[in-house]
Amino acid sequence: MNRRKKIKDVYDKRMKQANLKVNPKKAKPKYISKAEREKIAAEAATQTTDIETVETTTTEEQVKKDA
């Protein structure tokens, strides 16, 4: 019985490891370095400024048309 239990334990342990490799838990997000985070933030900032400039130019054009 003891020999069978040891074999079964080894088999179960290997199966558990194989299943974890196939279906990893995605609890932790992928690591993003500080430089990458700053780069993403800079891109987001430029996009928001671009959107603001487009909005201001459209409002100025509307004011000119109304006048």
Protein backbone atom coordinates (compact mmCIF):
# COMPACT_ATOMS: atom_id res chain seq x y z
CA MET A 1 0.00 0.00 0.00
CA ASN A 2 2.79 2.41 0.88
CA ARG A 3 4.54 1.93 -2.49
CA ARG A 4 1.27 2.51 -4.37
CA LYS A 5 0.59 5.67 -2.38
CA LYS A 6 4.04 7.07 -3.16
CA ILE A 7 3.59 6.37 -6.88
CA LYS A 8 0.14 7.92 -6.85
CA ASP A 9 1.43 11.00 -5.01
CA VAL A 10 4.21 11.50 -7.57
CA TYR A 11 1.70 11.08 -10.42
CA ASP A 12 -0.75 13.53 -8.84
CA LYS A 13 1.99 16.08 -8.26
CA ARG A 14 3.13 15.89 -11.90
CA MET A 15 -0.44 16.19 -13.17
CA LYS A 16 -1.06 19.19 -10.97
CA GLN A 17 2.07 20.92 -12.30
CA ALA A 18 1.09 20.13 -15.90
CA ASN A 19 -2.39 21.55 -15.37
CA LEU A 20 -0.97 24.72 -13.84
CA LYS A 21 1.27 25.22 -16.89
CA VAL A 22 -1.65 24.75 -19.27
CA ASN A 23 -4.09 26.95 -17.29
CA PRO A 24 -2.09 29.56 -15.38
CA LYS A 25 -3.86 31.84 -12.94
CA LYS A 26 -3.96 35.39 -14.22
CA ALA A 27 -4.22 37.03 -10.83
CA LYS A 28 -1.16 39.20 -11.30
CA PRO A 29 -1.01 41.59 -14.24
CA LYS A 30 1.99 41.50 -16.53
CA TYR A 31 4.92 43.56 -15.23
CA ILE A 32 5.43 46.91 -16.95
CA SER A 33 8.69 48.69 -16.33
CA LYS A 34 8.83 52.25 -15.06
CA ALA A 35 10.13 53.53 -18.40
CA GLU A 36 7.27 51.86 -20.25
CA ARG A 37 4.73 53.34 -17.83
CA GLU A 38 6.17 56.82 -18.37
CA LYS A 39 6.09 56.30 -22.14
CA ILE A 40 2.43 55.23 -22.02
CA ALA A 41 1.56 58.19 -19.81
CA ALA A 42 3.30 60.59 -22.21
CA GLU A 43 1.39 59.16 -25.16
CA ALA A 44 -1.88 59.49 -23.29
CA ALA A 45 -1.05 63.08 -22.41
CA THR A 46 -0.33 63.97 -26.04
CA GLN A 47 -3.58 62.34 -27.12
CA THR A 48 -5.60 64.35 -24.61
CA THR A 49 -3.93 67.60 -25.70
CA ASP A 50 -4.65 66.73 -29.34
CA ILE A 51 -8.32 66.16 -28.49
CA GLU A 52 -8.49 69.45 -26.57
CA THR A 53 -6.98 71.40 -29.49
CA VAL A 54 -9.46 69.84 -31.91
CA GLU A 55 -12.36 70.75 -29.62
CA THR A 56 -11.20 74.36 -29.20
CA THR A 57 -10.72 74.85 -32.94
CA THR A 58 -14.18 73.48 -33.67
CA THR A 59 -15.77 75.78 -31.09
CA GLU A 60 -13.88 78.77 -32.52
CA GLU A 61 -15.10 77.87 -36.01
CA GLN A 62 -18.66 77.61 -34.75
CA VAL A 63 -18.39 81.05 -33.11
CA LYS A 64 -17.12 82.55 -36.37
CA LYS A 65 -19.99 80.97 -38.32
CA ASP A 66 -22.55 82.27 -35.82
CA ALA A 67 -21.20 85.81 -35.99
